[in-house]
PDB file of N, CA and C in Angstrom:
ATOM      1  N   MET A   1     -16.702   5.628   3.209  1.00  0.00           N
ATOM      2  CA  MET A   1     -14.995   5.452   3.434  1.00  0.00           C
ATOM      3  C   MET A   1     -14.189   5.520   4.488  1.00  0.00           C
ATOM      4  N   SER A   2     -12.920   4.707   5.160  1.00  0.00           N
ATOM      5  CA  SER A   2     -12.901   3.671   5.924  1.00  0.00           C
ATOM      6  C   SER A   2     -11.606   5.344   6.162  1.00  0.00           C
ATOM      7  N   THR A   3     -11.465   4.869   7.642  1.00  0.00           N
ATOM      8  CA  THR A   3     -10.900   5.783   8.583  1.00  0.00           C
ATOM      9  C   THR A   3      -9.371   5.880   8.259  1.00  0.00           C
ATOM     10  N   LYS A   4      -8.703   6.472   8.475  1.00  0.00           N
ATOM     11  CA  LYS A   4      -7.339   6.383   8.040  1.00  0.00           C
ATOM     12  C   LYS A   4      -6.324   5.441   8.870  1.00  0.00           C
ATOM     13  N   ALA A   5      -6.965   4.863  10.185  1.00  0.00           N
ATOM     14  CA  ALA A   5      -6.606   4.082  11.044  1.00  0.00           C
ATOM     15  C   ALA A   5      -6.412   2.932  10.250  1.00  0.00           C
ATOM     16  N   GLU A   6      -8.091   2.788   9.337  1.00  0.00           N
ATOM     17  CA  GLU A   6      -8.165   1.500   8.872  1.00  0.00           C
ATOM     18  C   GLU A   6      -7.450   1.074   7.896  1.00  0.00           C
ATOM     19  N   LEU A   7      -7.033   2.269   7.181  1.00  0.00           N
ATOM     20  CA  LEU A   7      -6.340   2.145   5.716  1.00  0.00           C
ATOM     21  C   LEU A   7      -5.063   1.945   6.136  1.00  0.00           C
ATOM     22  N   ILE A   8      -4.135   2.527   7.370  1.00  0.00           N
ATOM     23  CA  ILE A   8      -2.853   2.193   7.411  1.00  0.00           C
ATOM     24  C   ILE A   8      -2.850   1.052   7.837  1.00  0.00           C
ATOM     25  N   LYS A   9      -4.134   0.091   8.892  1.00  0.00           N
ATOM     26  CA  LYS A   9      -3.928  -0.926   8.943  1.00  0.00           C
ATOM     27  C   LYS A   9      -3.735  -2.257   7.618  1.00  0.00           C
ATOM     28  N   GLU A  10      -4.695  -1.778   6.755  1.00  0.00           N
ATOM     29  CA  GLU A  10      -4.253  -2.410   5.545  1.00  0.00           C
ATOM     30  C   GLU A  10      -3.306  -2.818   4.967  1.00  0.00           C
ATOM     31  N   MET A  11      -2.560  -1.045   4.832  1.00  0.00           N
ATOM     32  CA  MET A  11      -1.075  -0.991   4.411  1.00  0.00           C
ATOM     33  C   MET A  11      -0.307  -2.038   4.662  1.00  0.00           C
ATOM     34  N   LEU A  12      -0.079  -2.031   6.407  1.00  0.00           N
ATOM     35  CA  LEU A  12       0.545  -2.510   7.336  1.00  0.00           C
ATOM     36  C   LEU A  12       0.448  -4.169   6.827  1.00  0.00           C
ATOM     37  N   GLU A  13      -0.866  -4.638   6.602  1.00  0.00           N
ATOM     38  CA  GLU A  13      -1.244  -6.246   6.843  1.00  0.00           C
ATOM     39  C   GLU A  13      -0.135  -6.722   5.067  1.00  0.00           C
ATOM     40  N   MET A  14      -0.826  -5.429   4.042  1.00  0.00           N
ATOM     41  CA  MET A  14      -0.222  -5.643   2.810  1.00  0.00           C
ATOM     42  C   MET A  14       1.659  -5.911   2.644  1.00  0.00           C
ATOM     43  N   GLN A  15       2.170  -5.133   3.579  1.00  0.00           N
ATOM     44  CA  GLN A  15       3.519  -5.326   3.567  1.00  0.00           C
ATOM     45  C   GLN A  15       3.556  -6.418   4.357  1.00  0.00           C
ATOM     46  N   SER A  16       3.447  -6.814   5.525  1.00  0.00           N
ATOM     47  CA  SER A  16       3.807  -8.036   5.764  1.00  0.00           C
ATOM     48  C   SER A  16       4.117  -8.971   5.231  1.00  0.00           C
ATOM     49  N   LYS A  17       2.421  -9.335   4.445  1.00  0.00           N
ATOM     50  CA  LYS A  17       2.257 -10.447   2.919  1.00  0.00           C
ATOM     51  C   LYS A  17       3.290 -10.190   2.167  1.00  0.00           C
ATOM     52  N   PHE A  18       3.662  -9.101   1.940  1.00  0.00           N
ATOM     53  CA  PHE A  18       4.904  -8.886   0.797  1.00  0.00           C
ATOM     54  C   PHE A  18       5.785  -9.593   0.928  1.00  0.00           C
ATOM     55  N   ILE A  19       6.078  -9.285   2.591  1.00  0.00           N
ATOM     56  CA  ILE A  19       7.809  -9.278   2.677  1.00  0.00           C
ATOM     57  C   ILE A  19       7.786 -11.111   2.994  1.00  0.00           C
ATOM     58  N   ALA A  20       6.541 -11.429   3.248  1.00  0.00           N
ATOM     59  CA  ALA A  20       6.634 -12.877   3.444  1.00  0.00           C
ATOM     60  C   ALA A  20       6.818 -13.522   2.634  1.00  0.00           C
ATOM     61  N   ASP A  21       5.981 -13.281   1.345  1.00  0.00           N
ATOM     62  CA  ASP A  21       5.760 -13.938  -0.108  1.00  0.00           C
ATOM     63  C   ASP A  21       7.575 -13.707  -0.563  1.00  0.00           C
ATOM     64  N   GLU A  22       8.230 -12.630  -0.127  1.00  0.00           N
ATOM     65  CA  GLU A  22       9.636 -12.436  -0.859  1.00  0.00           C
ATOM     66  C   GLU A  22      10.037 -13.662  -0.325  1.00  0.00           C
ATOM     67  N   GLN A  23      10.089 -13.465   1.203  1.00  0.00           N
ATOM     68  CA  GLN A  23      11.445 -14.214   1.161  1.00  0.00           C
ATOM     69  C   GLN A  23      10.969 -15.453   1.596  1.00  0.00           C
ATOM     70  N   ALA A  24      10.048 -15.706   1.090  1.00  0.00           N
ATOM     71  CA  ALA A  24       9.696 -17.664   0.886  1.00  0.00           C
ATOM     72  C   ALA A  24      10.123 -17.878  -0.698  1.00  0.00           C
ATOM     73  N   GLY A  25      10.411 -16.605  -1.196  1.00  0.00           N
ATOM     74  CA  GLY A  25      10.608 -16.989  -2.747  1.00  0.00           C
ATOM     75  C   GLY A  25       9.348 -17.279  -3.838  1.00  0.00           C
ATOM     76  N   LYS A  26       8.491 -16.687  -3.191  1.00  0.00           N
ATOM     77  CA  LYS A  26       6.817 -16.782  -4.157  1.00  0.00           C
ATOM     78  C   LYS A  26       6.766 -16.142  -5.407  1.00  0.00           C
ATOM     79  N   PHE A  27       7.759 -15.402  -5.759  1.00  0.00           N
ATOM     80  CA  PHE A  27       7.236 -14.214  -6.868  1.00  0.00           C
ATOM     81  C   PHE A  27       9.102 -13.462  -7.133  1.00  0.00           C
ATOM     82  N   GLU A  28       9.084 -13.575  -8.847  1.00  0.00           N
ATOM     83  CA  GLU A  28      10.170 -12.870  -9.095  1.00  0.00           C
ATOM     84  C   GLU A  28       9.973 -11.616  -8.979  1.00  0.00           C
ATOM     85  N   ALA A  29      11.563 -11.222  -8.865  1.00  0.00           N
ATOM     86  CA  ALA A  29      11.296  -9.513  -8.699  1.00  0.00           C
ATOM     87  C   ALA A  29      10.474  -8.425 -10.031  1.00  0.00           C
ATOM     88  N   GLU A  30      10.494  -9.314 -11.324  1.00  0.00           N
ATOM     89  CA  GLU A  30       9.677  -8.720 -12.700  1.00  0.00           C
ATOM     90  C   GLU A  30       8.306  -8.846 -12.268  1.00  0.00           C
ATOM     91  N   ASP A  31       8.234  -9.913 -11.288  1.00  0.00           N
ATOM     92  CA  ASP A  31       6.415 -10.250 -10.944  1.00  0.00           C
ATOM     93  C   ASP A  31       6.090  -8.846 -10.275  1.00  0.00           C
ATOM     94  N   TYR A  32       6.661  -8.652  -9.429  1.00  0.00           N
ATOM     95  CA  TYR A  32       6.534  -7.267  -8.657  1.00  0.00           C
ATOM     96  C   TYR A  32       6.464  -5.951  -9.843  1.00  0.00           C
ATOM     97  N   TYR A  33       6.901  -5.913 -10.818  1.00  0.00           N
ATOM     98  CA  TYR A  33       6.824  -4.459 -11.751  1.00  0.00           C
ATOM     99  C   TYR A  33       5.895  -5.012 -12.677  1.00  0.00           C
ATOM    100  N   ILE A  34       5.376  -5.949 -13.362  1.00  0.00           N
ATOM    101  CA  ILE A  34       4.545  -6.215 -14.628  1.00  0.00           C
ATOM    102  C   ILE A  34       3.853  -7.253 -14.388  1.00  0.00           C
ATOM    103  N   GLY A  35       3.995  -7.992 -13.773  1.00  0.00           N
ATOM    104  CA  GLY A  35       3.155  -9.863 -13.611  1.00  0.00           C
ATOM    105  C   GLY A  35       2.360  -9.092 -12.681  1.00  0.00           C
ATOM    106  N   GLU A  36       1.930 -10.096 -11.737  1.00  0.00           N
ATOM    107  CA  GLU A  36       0.391 -10.076 -10.660  1.00  0.00           C
ATOM    108  C   GLU A  36       0.837  -8.766  -9.851  1.00  0.00           C
ATOM    109  N   GLY A  37       1.994  -8.726  -9.353  1.00  0.00           N
ATOM    110  CA  GLY A  37       2.377  -7.404  -7.864  1.00  0.00           C
ATOM    111  C   GLY A  37       1.933  -5.805  -8.774  1.00  0.00           C
ATOM    112  N   LYS A  38       1.874  -5.861 -10.077  1.00  0.00           N
ATOM    113  CA  LYS A  38       1.074  -4.531 -10.271  1.00  0.00           C
ATOM    114  C   LYS A  38       0.022  -4.320  -9.525  1.00  0.00           C
ATOM    115  N   GLU A  39      -1.065  -5.041 -10.007  1.00  0.00           N
ATOM    116  CA  GLU A  39      -2.317  -4.594  -8.724  1.00  0.00           C
ATOM    117  C   GLU A  39      -1.756  -4.626  -7.308  1.00  0.00           C
ATOM    118  N   TYR A  40      -0.816  -5.362  -6.683  1.00  0.00           N
ATOM    119  CA  TYR A  40      -0.546  -4.964  -5.134  1.00  0.00           C
ATOM    120  C   TYR A  40      -0.126  -3.368  -5.678  1.00  0.00           C
ATOM    121  N   ARG A  41       0.860  -3.084  -6.007  1.00  0.00           N
ATOM    122  CA  ARG A  41       1.248  -1.688  -6.067  1.00  0.00           C
ATOM    123  C   ARG A  41       0.413  -0.793  -6.668  1.00  0.00           C
ATOM    124  N   GLN A  42      -0.730  -0.839  -7.226  1.00  0.00           N
ATOM    125  CA  GLN A  42      -1.411  -0.182  -7.916  1.00  0.00           C
ATOM    126  C   GLN A  42      -2.390   0.294  -6.408  1.00  0.00           C
ATOM    127  N   ARG A  43      -2.747  -1.010  -5.695  1.00  0.00           N
ATOM    128  CA  ARG A  43      -3.877  -0.716  -4.858  1.00  0.00           C
ATOM    129  C   ARG A  43      -2.735   0.036  -3.251  1.00  0.00           C
ATOM    130  N   TYR A  44      -1.637  -0.242  -3.391  1.00  0.00           N
ATOM    131  CA  TYR A  44      -0.866   0.337  -1.972  1.00  0.00           C
ATOM    132  C   TYR A  44      -1.013   1.583  -2.513  1.00  0.00           C
ATOM    133  N   GLN A  45      -0.368   1.866  -3.508  1.00  0.00           N
ATOM    134  CA  GLN A  45      -0.555   3.425  -4.070  1.00  0.00           C
ATOM    135  C   GLN A  45      -1.751   3.945  -3.599  1.00  0.00           C
ATOM    136  N   GLU A  46      -2.622   3.755  -4.305  1.00  0.00           N
ATOM    137  CA  GLU A  46      -3.991   4.708  -3.833  1.00  0.00           C
ATOM    138  C   GLU A  46      -4.438   4.169  -2.412  1.00  0.00           C
ATOM    139  N   LEU A  47      -3.734   3.696  -1.393  1.00  0.00           N
ATOM    140  CA  LEU A  47      -3.907   3.462  -0.014  1.00  0.00           C
ATOM    141  C   LEU A  47      -2.987   4.743   0.389  1.00  0.00           C
ATOM    142  N   ALA A  48      -2.341   4.800   0.332  1.00  0.00           N
ATOM    143  CA  ALA A  48      -1.144   6.133   0.211  1.00  0.00           C
ATOM    144  C   ALA A  48      -1.573   7.243  -0.045  1.00  0.00           C
ATOM    145  N   SER A  49      -2.331   7.430  -0.879  1.00  0.00           N
ATOM    146  CA  SER A  49      -2.261   8.519  -1.834  1.00  0.00           C
ATOM    147  C   SER A  49      -3.648   8.782  -0.846  1.00  0.00           C
ATOM    148  N   GLU A  50      -4.765   8.016  -0.640  1.00  0.00           N
ATOM    149  CA  GLU A  50      -5.413   8.391   0.467  1.00  0.00           C
ATOM    150  C   GLU A  50      -5.516   8.958   1.895  1.00  0.00           C
ATOM    151  N   VAL A  51      -4.209   8.351   2.769  1.00  0.00           N
ATOM    152  CA  VAL A  51      -4.132   8.320   3.532  1.00  0.00           C
ATOM    153  C   VAL A  51      -3.087   9.781   4.097  1.00  0.00           C
ATOM    154  N   ARG A  52      -2.902  10.316   2.738  1.00  0.00           N
ATOM    155  CA  ARG A  52      -1.780  11.681   2.586  1.00  0.00           C
ATOM    156  C   ARG A  52      -2.481  12.359   2.581  1.00  0.00           C
ATOM    157  N   GLU A  53      -3.923  12.158   1.726  1.00  0.00           N
ATOM    158  CA  GLU A  53      -5.124  13.467   1.920  1.00  0.00           C
ATOM    159  C   GLU A  53      -5.385  13.470   3.100  1.00  0.00           C
ATOM    160  N   MET A  54      -5.838  12.513   3.885  1.00  0.00           N
ATOM    161  CA  MET A  54      -6.204  12.554   5.164  1.00  0.00           C
ATOM    162  C   MET A  54      -5.601  13.537   5.935  1.00  0.00           C
ATOM    163  N   ALA A  55      -4.812  13.345   6.049  1.00  0.00           N
ATOM    164  CA  ALA A  55      -3.622  13.469   7.087  1.00  0.00           C
ATOM    165  C   ALA A  55      -3.159  15.403   6.801  1.00  0.00           C
ATOM    166  N   SER A  56      -3.309  15.168   5.525  1.00  0.00           N
ATOM    167  CA  SER A  56      -3.324  16.989   4.746  1.00  0.00           C
ATOM    168  C   SER A  56      -4.156  17.606   5.314  1.00  0.00           C
ATOM    169  N   LYS A  57      -5.353  16.975   5.307  1.00  0.00           N
ATOM    170  CA  LYS A  57      -6.472  17.931   6.095  1.00  0.00           C
ATOM    171  C   LYS A  57      -6.913  17.936   7.448  1.00  0.00           C
ATOM    172  N   GLU A  58      -5.852  16.771   7.734  1.00  0.00           N
ATOM    173  CA  GLU A  58      -5.756  17.194   9.006  1.00  0.00           C
ATOM    174  C   GLU A  58      -5.069  17.992  10.149  1.00  0.00           C
ATOM    175  N   ALA A  59      -3.933  18.148   8.983  1.00  0.00           N
ATOM    176  CA  ALA A  59      -2.885  19.072   9.299  1.00  0.00           C
ATOM    177  C   ALA A  59      -3.247  20.659   9.216  1.00  0.00           C
ATOM    178  N   ASN A  60      -4.134  20.315   7.812  1.00  0.00           N
ATOM    179  CA  ASN A  60      -4.413  21.923   7.360  1.00  0.00           C
ATOM    180  C   ASN A  60      -3.357  22.463   6.414  1.00  0.00           C
ATOM    181  N   PHE A  61      -2.813  21.551   5.837  1.00  0.00           N
ATOM    182  CA  PHE A  61      -1.734  21.520   4.749  1.00  0.00           C
ATOM    183  C   PHE A  61      -2.140  21.295   3.595  1.00  0.00           C
ATOM    184  N   TRP A  62      -1.783  22.526   2.788  1.00  0.00           N
ATOM    185  CA  TRP A  62      -1.986  22.546   0.922  1.00  0.00           C
ATOM    186  C   TRP A  62      -0.846  22.057   0.251  1.00  0.00           C
ATOM    187  N   LYS A  63      -1.054  20.825  -0.686  1.00  0.00           N
ATOM    188  CA  LYS A  63       0.162  20.273  -1.232  1.00  0.00           C
ATOM    189  C   LYS A  63       0.752  21.717  -2.224  1.00  0.00           C
TER     190      LYS A  63
END
């Protein structure tokens, strides 16, 4: 299992690449929702969920 810091680092790297690709015009908005971007969104959501779970346990917070 990855640490929370490693997951956050991966999320930040994904965000940086996404921003660079978007600004370079490497994809259409439609691709983000139904094309290749779908995998990106799914992975990012998985990472965010894992980080949220870890943070909730650290804070002893029940969802």
